[in-house]
Amino acid sequence: MGSKIKIRELEEIFNLIISKLEFEFNKGEIELNDDLYRIIPTQHWSITKVENELIGSLNDDINELKKLISDTSRPTTFVDLDRCASLLRAISERFNSAIG
């Protein structure tokens, strides 16, 4: 059986995450030290085989996500979810003492 989550639940979760970030970073901005990261495409999430590595860029992800705000004619795509996920992962890795 697959996993399910309601869109409203995601909205509530994202709002809680944003509230946490606003509380922790009262400057209204988060600074990340690294730019490049390893991309593992979904179809290669198998833990039993190693695939060729792809590299992503946080700077590129942030720039593309900001275009969603500045260019109202730009469509939002599922790639933007990947960009958000990469950004959230980078924030977690930078500031989560349990993994850092």
PDB file of N, CA and C in Angstrom:
ATOM      1  N   MET A   1       0.842  -1.183   0.000  1.00  0.00           N
ATOM      2  CA  MET A   1       0.000   0.000   0.000  1.00  0.00           C
ATOM      3  C   MET A   1       0.884   1.243   0.000  1.00  0.00           C
ATOM      4  N   GLY A   2       0.535   2.212  -0.824  1.00  0.00           N
ATOM      5  CA  GLY A   2       1.308   3.441  -0.923  1.00  0.00           C
ATOM      6  C   GLY A   2       1.037   4.389   0.235  1.00  0.00           C
ATOM      7  N   SER A   3       1.881   5.376   0.363  1.00  0.00           N
ATOM      8  CA  SER A   3       1.707   6.404   1.388  1.00  0.00           C
ATOM      9  C   SER A   3       0.802   7.500   0.867  1.00  0.00           C
ATOM     10  N   LYS A   4       0.064   8.135   1.774  1.00  0.00           N
ATOM     11  CA  LYS A   4      -0.823   9.235   1.398  1.00  0.00           C
ATOM     12  C   LYS A   4      -0.675  10.384   2.380  1.00  0.00           C
ATOM     13  N   ILE A   5      -0.858  11.589   1.860  1.00  0.00           N
ATOM     14  CA  ILE A   5      -0.948  12.775   2.706  1.00  0.00           C
ATOM     15  C   ILE A   5      -1.845  13.771   1.997  1.00  0.00           C
ATOM     16  N   LYS A   6      -2.668  14.439   2.757  1.00  0.00           N
ATOM     17  CA  LYS A   6      -3.571  15.434   2.184  1.00  0.00           C
ATOM     18  C   LYS A   6      -2.803  16.721   1.905  1.00  0.00           C
ATOM     19  N   ILE A   7      -3.203  17.412   0.857  1.00  0.00           N
ATOM     20  CA  ILE A   7      -2.552  18.673   0.492  1.00  0.00           C
ATOM     21  C   ILE A   7      -2.661  19.669   1.642  1.00  0.00           C
ATOM     22  N   ARG A   8      -3.793  19.724   2.308  1.00  0.00           N
ATOM     23  CA  ARG A   8      -3.966  20.629   3.458  1.00  0.00           C
ATOM     24  C   ARG A   8      -3.009  20.275   4.592  1.00  0.00           C
ATOM     25  N   GLU A   9      -2.739  18.979   4.766  1.00  0.00           N
ATOM     26  CA  GLU A   9      -1.769  18.566   5.779  1.00  0.00           C
ATOM     27  C   GLU A   9      -0.374  19.053   5.397  1.00  0.00           C
ATOM     28  N   LEU A  10      -0.030  18.926   4.121  1.00  0.00           N
ATOM     29  CA  LEU A  10       1.254  19.459   3.650  1.00  0.00           C
ATOM     30  C   LEU A  10       1.341  20.955   3.894  1.00  0.00           C
ATOM     31  N   GLU A  11       0.255  21.655   3.602  1.00  0.00           N
ATOM     32  CA  GLU A  11       0.225  23.099   3.827  1.00  0.00           C
ATOM     33  C   GLU A  11       0.481  23.414   5.298  1.00  0.00           C
ATOM     34  N   GLU A  12      -0.157  22.680   6.185  1.00  0.00           N
ATOM     35  CA  GLU A  12       0.030  22.911   7.615  1.00  0.00           C
ATOM     36  C   GLU A  12       1.468  22.606   8.033  1.00  0.00           C
ATOM     37  N   ILE A  13       2.023  21.526   7.502  1.00  0.00           N
ATOM     38  CA  ILE A  13       3.409  21.165   7.803  1.00  0.00           C
ATOM     39  C   ILE A  13       4.368  22.240   7.298  1.00  0.00           C
ATOM     40  N   PHE A  14       4.180  22.690   6.057  1.00  0.00           N
ATOM     41  CA  PHE A  14       5.043  23.739   5.511  1.00  0.00           C
ATOM     42  C   PHE A  14       4.939  25.021   6.331  1.00  0.00           C
ATOM     43  N   ASN A  15       3.730  25.372   6.762  1.00  0.00           N
ATOM     44  CA  ASN A  15       3.550  26.565   7.591  1.00  0.00           C
ATOM     45  C   ASN A  15       4.288  26.429   8.920  1.00  0.00           C
ATOM     46  N   LEU A  16       4.257  25.238   9.521  1.00  0.00           N
ATOM     47  CA  LEU A  16       4.995  25.011  10.765  1.00  0.00           C
ATOM     48  C   LEU A  16       6.501  25.122  10.538  1.00  0.00           C
ATOM     49  N   ILE A  17       6.976  24.591   9.425  1.00  0.00           N
ATOM     50  CA  ILE A  17       8.405  24.688   9.107  1.00  0.00           C
ATOM     51  C   ILE A  17       8.808  26.146   8.905  1.00  0.00           C
ATOM     52  N   ILE A  18       7.988  26.903   8.180  1.00  0.00           N
ATOM     53  CA  ILE A  18       8.276  28.324   7.960  1.00  0.00           C
ATOM     54  C   ILE A  18       8.278  29.070   9.291  1.00  0.00           C
ATOM     55  N   SER A  19       7.328  28.770  10.169  1.00  0.00           N
ATOM     56  CA  SER A  19       7.288  29.409  11.491  1.00  0.00           C
ATOM     57  C   SER A  19       8.555  29.106  12.277  1.00  0.00           C
ATOM     58  N   LYS A  20       9.022  27.874  12.219  1.00  0.00           N
ATOM     59  CA  LYS A  20      10.262  27.491  12.895  1.00  0.00           C
ATOM     60  C   LYS A  20      11.444  28.285  12.339  1.00  0.00           C
ATOM     61  N   LEU A  21      11.531  28.390  11.022  1.00  0.00           N
ATOM     62  CA  LEU A  21      12.629  29.139  10.412  1.00  0.00           C
ATOM     63  C   LEU A  21      12.570  30.614  10.787  1.00  0.00           C
ATOM     64  N   GLU A  22      11.370  31.193  10.804  1.00  0.00           N
ATOM     65  CA  GLU A  22      11.225  32.600  11.191  1.00  0.00           C
ATOM     66  C   GLU A  22      11.652  32.808  12.637  1.00  0.00           C
ATOM     67  N   PHE A  23      11.356  31.850  13.510  1.00  0.00           N
ATOM     68  CA  PHE A  23      11.745  31.945  14.915  1.00  0.00           C
ATOM     69  C   PHE A  23      13.261  31.834  15.077  1.00  0.00           C
ATOM     70  N   GLU A  24      13.863  30.880  14.398  1.00  0.00           N
ATOM     71  CA  GLU A  24      15.297  30.625  14.540  1.00  0.00           C
ATOM     72  C   GLU A  24      16.168  31.673  13.853  1.00  0.00           C
ATOM     73  N   PHE A  25      15.691  32.206  12.743  1.00  0.00           N
ATOM     74  CA  PHE A  25      16.497  33.127  11.942  1.00  0.00           C
ATOM     75  C   PHE A  25      15.773  34.463  11.854  1.00  0.00           C
ATOM     76  N   ASN A  26      15.854  35.227  12.932  1.00  0.00           N
ATOM     77  CA  ASN A  26      15.097  36.478  13.000  1.00  0.00           C
ATOM     78  C   ASN A  26      15.617  37.546  12.049  1.00  0.00           C
ATOM     79  N   LYS A  27      16.716  37.270  11.350  1.00  0.00           N
ATOM     80  CA  LYS A  27      17.212  38.205  10.335  1.00  0.00           C
ATOM     81  C   LYS A  27      16.362  38.135   9.073  1.00  0.00           C
ATOM     82  N   GLY A  28      15.505  37.118   8.984  1.00  0.00           N
ATOM     83  CA  GLY A  28      14.681  36.960   7.796  1.00  0.00           C
ATOM     84  C   GLY A  28      15.425  36.343   6.627  1.00  0.00           C
ATOM     85  N   GLU A  29      16.588  35.769   6.921  1.00  0.00           N
ATOM     86  CA  GLU A  29      17.415  35.213   5.852  1.00  0.00           C
ATOM     87  C   GLU A  29      18.245  34.067   6.416  1.00  0.00           C
ATOM     88  N   ILE A  30      18.467  33.052   5.604  1.00  0.00           N
ATOM     89  CA  ILE A  30      19.293  31.915   6.006  1.00  0.00           C
ATOM     90  C   ILE A  30      20.508  31.885   5.098  1.00  0.00           C
ATOM     91  N   GLU A  31      21.678  31.794   5.710  1.00  0.00           N
ATOM     92  CA  GLU A  31      22.908  31.724   4.924  1.00  0.00           C
ATOM     93  C   GLU A  31      23.405  30.284   4.897  1.00  0.00           C
ATOM     94  N   LEU A  32      23.640  29.775   3.697  1.00  0.00           N
ATOM     95  CA  LEU A  32      24.152  28.421   3.516  1.00  0.00           C
ATOM     96  C   LEU A  32      25.574  28.503   2.986  1.00  0.00           C
ATOM     97  N   ASN A  33      26.446  27.655   3.493  1.00  0.00           N
ATOM     98  CA  ASN A  33      27.855  27.704   3.109  1.00  0.00           C
ATOM     99  C   ASN A  33      28.155  26.976   1.810  1.00  0.00           C
ATOM    100  N   ASP A  34      27.422  25.931   1.536  1.00  0.00           N
ATOM    101  CA  ASP A  34      27.715  25.095   0.375  1.00  0.00           C
ATOM    102  C   ASP A  34      26.765  25.405  -0.771  1.00  0.00           C
ATOM    103  N   ASP A  35      27.206  25.069  -1.982  1.00  0.00           N
ATOM    104  CA  ASP A  35      26.359  25.257  -3.155  1.00  0.00           C
ATOM    105  C   ASP A  35      26.020  23.924  -3.802  1.00  0.00           C
ATOM    106  N   LEU A  36      27.017  23.120  -4.105  1.00  0.00           N
ATOM    107  CA  LEU A  36      26.793  21.894  -4.872  1.00  0.00           C
ATOM    108  C   LEU A  36      26.357  20.746  -3.971  1.00  0.00           C
ATOM    109  N   TYR A  37      25.514  19.876  -4.518  1.00  0.00           N
ATOM    110  CA  TYR A  37      25.044  18.706  -3.785  1.00  0.00           C
ATOM    111  C   TYR A  37      24.818  17.566  -4.758  1.00  0.00           C
ATOM    112  N   ARG A  38      24.750  16.374  -4.219  1.00  0.00           N
ATOM    113  CA  ARG A  38      24.546  15.166  -5.017  1.00  0.00           C
ATOM    114  C   ARG A  38      23.052  14.964  -5.259  1.00  0.00           C
ATOM    115  N   ILE A  39      22.681  14.678  -6.506  1.00  0.00           N
ATOM    116  CA  ILE A  39      21.295  14.397  -6.872  1.00  0.00           C
ATOM    117  C   ILE A  39      21.141  12.888  -7.038  1.00  0.00           C
ATOM    118  N   ILE A  40      20.128  12.337  -6.395  1.00  0.00           N
ATOM    119  CA  ILE A  40      19.790  10.932  -6.592  1.00  0.00           C
ATOM    120  C   ILE A  40      18.375  10.896  -7.154  1.00  0.00           C
ATOM    121  N   PRO A  41      18.233  10.663  -8.460  1.00  0.00           N
ATOM    122  CA  PRO A  41      16.896  10.618  -9.052  1.00  0.00           C
ATOM    123  C   PRO A  41      16.037   9.544  -8.373  1.00  0.00           C
ATOM    124  N   THR A  42      14.762   9.798  -8.277  1.00  0.00           N
ATOM    125  CA  THR A  42      13.842   8.913  -7.578  1.00  0.00           C
ATOM    126  C   THR A  42      13.966   7.465  -8.032  1.00  0.00           C
ATOM    127  N   GLN A  43      14.083   7.249  -9.317  1.00  0.00           N
ATOM    128  CA  GLN A  43      14.153   5.878  -9.820  1.00  0.00           C
ATOM    129  C   GLN A  43      15.427   5.164  -9.384  1.00  0.00           C
ATOM    130  N   HIS A  44      16.375   5.887  -8.782  1.00  0.00           N
ATOM    131  CA  HIS A  44      17.633   5.290  -8.329  1.00  0.00           C
ATOM    132  C   HIS A  44      17.748   5.265  -6.808  1.00  0.00           C
ATOM    133  N   TRP A  45      16.634   5.369  -6.114  1.00  0.00           N
ATOM    134  CA  TRP A  45      16.657   5.364  -4.653  1.00  0.00           C
ATOM    135  C   TRP A  45      16.945   3.995  -4.058  1.00  0.00           C
ATOM    136  N   SER A  46      17.043   2.985  -4.884  1.00  0.00           N
ATOM    137  CA  SER A  46      17.338   1.638  -4.397  1.00  0.00           C
ATOM    138  C   SER A  46      18.634   1.663  -3.595  1.00  0.00           C
ATOM    139  N   ILE A  47      18.610   1.025  -2.439  1.00  0.00           N
ATOM    140  CA  ILE A  47      19.813   1.014  -1.601  1.00  0.00           C
ATOM    141  C   ILE A  47      20.764  -0.116  -1.978  1.00  0.00           C
ATOM    142  N   THR A  48      20.402  -0.894  -2.975  1.00  0.00           N
ATOM    143  CA  THR A  48      21.227  -2.049  -3.327  1.00  0.00           C
ATOM    144  C   THR A  48      22.157  -1.815  -4.506  1.00  0.00           C
ATOM    145  N   LYS A  49      21.970  -0.735  -5.244  1.00  0.00           N
ATOM    146  CA  LYS A  49      22.860  -0.511  -6.385  1.00  0.00           C
ATOM    147  C   LYS A  49      23.317   0.948  -6.425  1.00  0.00           C
ATOM    148  N   VAL A  50      24.544   1.134  -6.880  1.00  0.00           N
ATOM    149  CA  VAL A  50      25.136   2.464  -6.963  1.00  0.00           C
ATOM    150  C   VAL A  50      25.071   2.930  -8.416  1.00  0.00           C
ATOM    151  N   GLU A  51      24.600   4.139  -8.623  1.00  0.00           N
ATOM    152  CA  GLU A  51      24.464   4.701  -9.970  1.00  0.00           C
ATOM    153  C   GLU A  51      25.468   5.838 -10.153  1.00  0.00           C
ATOM    154  N   ASN A  52      25.544   6.345 -11.364  1.00  0.00           N
ATOM    155  CA  ASN A  52      26.357   7.530 -11.628  1.00  0.00           C
ATOM    156  C   ASN A  52      25.803   8.703 -10.838  1.00  0.00           C
ATOM    157  N   GLU A  53      26.697   9.553 -10.367  1.00  0.00           N
ATOM    158  CA  GLU A  53      26.283  10.696  -9.571  1.00  0.00           C
ATOM    159  C   GLU A  53      25.940  11.886 -10.455  1.00  0.00           C
ATOM    160  N   LEU A  54      24.919  12.612 -10.058  1.00  0.00           N
ATOM    161  CA  LEU A  54      24.561  13.886 -10.672  1.00  0.00           C
ATOM    162  C   LEU A  54      24.783  14.965  -9.623  1.00  0.00           C
ATOM    163  N   ILE A  55      25.105  16.165 -10.064  1.00  0.00           N
ATOM    164  CA  ILE A  55      25.379  17.264  -9.148  1.00  0.00           C
ATOM    165  C   ILE A  55      24.351  18.365  -9.370  1.00  0.00           C
ATOM    166  N   GLY A  56      23.816  18.892  -8.262  1.00  0.00           N
ATOM    167  CA  GLY A  56      22.901  20.018  -8.318  1.00  0.00           C
ATOM    168  C   GLY A  56      23.534  21.229  -7.664  1.00  0.00           C
ATOM    169  N   SER A  57      22.921  22.392  -7.847  1.00  0.00           N
ATOM    170  CA  SER A  57      23.434  23.644  -7.304  1.00  0.00           C
ATOM    171  C   SER A  57      22.343  24.348  -6.505  1.00  0.00           C
ATOM    172  N   LEU A  58      22.629  24.615  -5.223  1.00  0.00           N
ATOM    173  CA  LEU A  58      21.669  25.357  -4.404  1.00  0.00           C
ATOM    174  C   LEU A  58      21.455  26.762  -4.945  1.00  0.00           C
ATOM    175  N   ASN A  59      22.535  27.390  -5.423  1.00  0.00           N
ATOM    176  CA  ASN A  59      22.386  28.733  -5.987  1.00  0.00           C
ATOM    177  C   ASN A  59      21.419  28.717  -7.162  1.00  0.00           C
ATOM    178  N   ASP A  60      21.556  27.720  -8.023  1.00  0.00           N
ATOM    179  CA  ASP A  60      20.644  27.590  -9.159  1.00  0.00           C
ATOM    180  C   ASP A  60      19.213  27.330  -8.672  1.00  0.00           C
ATOM    181  N   ASP A  61      19.066  26.438  -7.696  1.00  0.00           N
ATOM    182  CA  ASP A  61      17.732  26.144  -7.162  1.00  0.00           C
ATOM    183  C   ASP A  61      17.073  27.401  -6.597  1.00  0.00           C
ATOM    184  N   ILE A  62      17.819  28.157  -5.803  1.00  0.00           N
ATOM    185  CA  ILE A  62      17.275  29.376  -5.194  1.00  0.00           C
ATOM    186  C   ILE A  62      16.893  30.385  -6.268  1.00  0.00           C
ATOM    187  N   ASN A  63      17.764  30.579  -7.249  1.00  0.00           N
ATOM    188  CA  ASN A  63      17.455  31.526  -8.332  1.00  0.00           C
ATOM    189  C   ASN A  63      16.194  31.125  -9.082  1.00  0.00           C
ATOM    190  N   GLU A  64      16.062  29.835  -9.381  1.00  0.00           N
ATOM    191  CA  GLU A  64      14.876  29.367 -10.108  1.00  0.00           C
ATOM    192  C   GLU A  64      13.614  29.487  -9.252  1.00  0.00           C
ATOM    193  N   LEU A  65      13.707  29.202  -7.961  1.00  0.00           N
ATOM    194  CA  LEU A  65      12.542  29.341  -7.082  1.00  0.00           C
ATOM    195  C   LEU A  65      12.120  30.804  -6.950  1.00  0.00           C
ATOM    196  N   LYS A  66      13.090  31.708  -6.899  1.00  0.00           N
ATOM    197  CA  LYS A  66      12.762  33.137  -6.811  1.00  0.00           C
ATOM    198  C   LYS A  66      12.035  33.628  -8.055  1.00  0.00           C
ATOM    199  N   LYS A  67      12.290  32.984  -9.193  1.00  0.00           N
ATOM    200  CA  LYS A  67      11.585  33.355 -10.424  1.00  0.00           C
ATOM    201  C   LYS A  67      10.087  33.098 -10.305  1.00  0.00           C
ATOM    202  N   LEU A  68       9.692  32.148  -9.470  1.00  0.00           N
ATOM    203  CA  LEU A  68       8.265  31.900  -9.248  1.00  0.00           C
ATOM    204  C   LEU A  68       7.591  33.130  -8.650  1.00  0.00           C
ATOM    205  N   ILE A  69       8.343  33.890  -7.872  1.00  0.00           N
ATOM    206  CA  ILE A  69       7.813  35.104  -7.242  1.00  0.00           C
ATOM    207  C   ILE A  69       7.878  36.278  -8.205  1.00  0.00           C
ATOM    208  N   SER A  70       9.011  36.434  -8.881  1.00  0.00           N
ATOM    209  CA  SER A  70       9.220  37.624  -9.710  1.00  0.00           C
ATOM    210  C   SER A  70       8.534  37.555 -11.069  1.00  0.00           C
ATOM    211  N   ASP A  71       8.298  36.368 -11.572  1.00  0.00           N
ATOM    212  CA  ASP A  71       7.676  36.209 -12.890  1.00  0.00           C
ATOM    213  C   ASP A  71       6.361  35.453 -12.729  1.00  0.00           C
ATOM    214  N   THR A  72       5.277  36.201 -12.622  1.00  0.00           N
ATOM    215  CA  THR A  72       3.976  35.578 -12.363  1.00  0.00           C
ATOM    216  C   THR A  72       3.475  34.741 -13.530  1.00  0.00           C
ATOM    217  N   SER A  73       4.087  34.889 -14.704  1.00  0.00           N
ATOM    218  CA  SER A  73       3.673  34.065 -15.844  1.00  0.00           C
ATOM    219  C   SER A  73       4.416  32.725 -15.869  1.00  0.00           C
ATOM    220  N   ARG A  74       5.411  32.591 -15.017  1.00  0.00           N
ATOM    221  CA  ARG A  74       6.200  31.353 -14.982  1.00  0.00           C
ATOM    222  C   ARG A  74       5.392  30.261 -14.289  1.00  0.00           C
ATOM    223  N   PRO A  75       5.220  29.123 -14.942  1.00  0.00           N
ATOM    224  CA  PRO A  75       4.453  28.040 -14.313  1.00  0.00           C
ATOM    225  C   PRO A  75       5.264  27.344 -13.221  1.00  0.00           C
ATOM    226  N   THR A  76       4.588  26.912 -12.194  1.00  0.00           N
ATOM    227  CA  THR A  76       5.203  26.100 -11.152  1.00  0.00           C
ATOM    228  C   THR A  76       5.177  24.648 -11.619  1.00  0.00           C
ATOM    229  N   THR A  77       6.307  23.964 -11.482  1.00  0.00           N
ATOM    230  CA  THR A  77       6.396  22.577 -11.950  1.00  0.00           C
ATOM    231  C   THR A  77       6.812  21.667 -10.796  1.00  0.00           C
ATOM    232  N   PHE A  78       6.770  20.372 -11.043  1.00  0.00           N
ATOM    233  CA  PHE A  78       7.216  19.427 -10.024  1.00  0.00           C
ATOM    234  C   PHE A  78       8.721  19.508  -9.798  1.00  0.00           C
ATOM    235  N   VAL A  79       9.456  20.037 -10.749  1.00  0.00           N
ATOM    236  CA  VAL A  79      10.891  20.269 -10.549  1.00  0.00           C
ATOM    237  C   VAL A  79      11.094  21.263  -9.403  1.00  0.00           C
ATOM    238  N   ASP A  80      10.159  22.207  -9.256  1.00  0.00           N
ATOM    239  CA  ASP A  80      10.251  23.169  -8.156  1.00  0.00           C
ATOM    240  C   ASP A  80      10.132  22.474  -6.801  1.00  0.00           C
ATOM    241  N   LEU A  81       9.383  21.378  -6.731  1.00  0.00           N
ATOM    242  CA  LEU A  81       9.337  20.586  -5.496  1.00  0.00           C
ATOM    243  C   LEU A  81      10.711  19.993  -5.199  1.00  0.00           C
ATOM    244  N   ASP A  82      11.394  19.503  -6.237  1.00  0.00           N
ATOM    245  CA  ASP A  82      12.752  18.987  -6.054  1.00  0.00           C
ATOM    246  C   ASP A  82      13.675  20.089  -5.553  1.00  0.00           C
ATOM    247  N   ARG A  83      13.536  21.270  -6.127  1.00  0.00           N
ATOM    248  CA  ARG A  83      14.374  22.401  -5.703  1.00  0.00           C
ATOM    249  C   ARG A  83      14.111  22.749  -4.242  1.00  0.00           C
ATOM    250  N   CYS A  84      12.843  22.792  -3.852  1.00  0.00           N
ATOM    251  CA  CYS A  84      12.493  23.068  -2.448  1.00  0.00           C
ATOM    252  C   CYS A  84      13.055  21.988  -1.533  1.00  0.00           C
ATOM    253  N   ALA A  85      12.927  20.733  -1.952  1.00  0.00           N
ATOM    254  CA  ALA A  85      13.431  19.623  -1.143  1.00  0.00           C
ATOM    255  C   ALA A  85      14.940  19.742  -0.942  1.00  0.00           C
ATOM    256  N   SER A  86      15.657  20.090  -1.990  1.00  0.00           N
ATOM    257  CA  SER A  86      17.111  20.249  -1.888  1.00  0.00           C
ATOM    258  C   SER A  86      17.470  21.391  -0.952  1.00  0.00           C
ATOM    259  N   LEU A  87      16.733  22.478  -1.041  1.00  0.00           N
ATOM    260  CA  LEU A  87      16.979  23.626  -0.172  1.00  0.00           C
ATOM    261  C   LEU A  87      16.684  23.276   1.282  1.00  0.00           C
ATOM    262  N   LEU A  88      15.563  22.613   1.535  1.00  0.00           N
ATOM    263  CA  LEU A  88      15.225  22.208   2.900  1.00  0.00           C
ATOM    264  C   LEU A  88      16.252  21.222   3.445  1.00  0.00           C
ATOM    265  N   ARG A  89      16.720  20.303   2.613  1.00  0.00           N
ATOM    266  CA  ARG A  89      17.751  19.349   3.042  1.00  0.00           C
ATOM    267  C   ARG A  89      19.032  20.088   3.419  1.00  0.00           C
ATOM    268  N   ALA A  90      19.426  21.066   2.630  1.00  0.00           N
ATOM    269  CA  ALA A  90      20.646  21.829   2.916  1.00  0.00           C
ATOM    270  C   ALA A  90      20.515  22.604   4.221  1.00  0.00           C
ATOM    271  N   ILE A  91      19.352  23.198   4.456  1.00  0.00           N
ATOM    272  CA  ILE A  91      19.121  23.925   5.709  1.00  0.00           C
ATOM    273  C   ILE A  91      19.210  22.958   6.884  1.00  0.00           C
ATOM    274  N   SER A  92      18.581  21.806   6.755  1.00  0.00           N
ATOM    275  CA  SER A  92      18.613  20.806   7.819  1.00  0.00           C
ATOM    276  C   SER A  92      20.038  20.344   8.104  1.00  0.00           C
ATOM    277  N   GLU A  93      20.784  20.042   7.061  1.00  0.00           N
ATOM    278  CA  GLU A  93      22.153  19.569   7.245  1.00  0.00           C
ATOM    279  C   GLU A  93      23.048  20.636   7.862  1.00  0.00           C
ATOM    280  N   ARG A  94      22.793  21.884   7.539  1.00  0.00           N
ATOM    281  CA  ARG A  94      23.635  22.983   8.060  1.00  0.00           C
ATOM    282  C   ARG A  94      23.357  23.272   9.526  1.00  0.00           C
ATOM    283  N   PHE A  95      22.086  23.186   9.949  1.00  0.00           N
ATOM    284  CA  PHE A  95      21.721  23.664  11.276  1.00  0.00           C
ATOM    285  C   PHE A  95      21.228  22.576  12.229  1.00  0.00           C
ATOM    286  N   ASN A  96      21.065  21.349  11.777  1.00  0.00           N
ATOM    287  CA  ASN A  96      20.599  20.270  12.636  1.00  0.00           C
ATOM    288  C   ASN A  96      21.796  19.627  13.320  1.00  0.00           C
ATOM    289  N   SER A  97      21.948  19.876  14.607  1.00  0.00           N
ATOM    290  CA  SER A  97      23.116  19.366  15.325  1.00  0.00           C
ATOM    291  C   SER A  97      23.139  17.842  15.390  1.00  0.00           C
ATOM    292  N   ALA A  98      21.992  17.200  15.205  1.00  0.00           N
ATOM    293  CA  ALA A  98      21.949  15.736  15.260  1.00  0.00           C
ATOM    294  C   ALA A  98      22.645  15.100  14.062  1.00  0.00           C
ATOM    295  N   ILE A  99      22.709  15.811  12.937  1.00  0.00           N
ATOM    296  CA  ILE A  99      23.365  15.243  11.755  1.00  0.00           C
ATOM    297  C   ILE A  99      24.622  16.002  11.366  1.00  0.00           C
ATOM    298  N   GLY A 100      24.852  17.161  11.953  1.00  0.00           N
ATOM    299  CA  GLY A 100      25.997  17.985  11.580  1.00  0.00           C
ATOM    300  C   GLY A 100      27.164  17.672  12.412  1.00  0.00           C
TER     301      GLY A 100
END
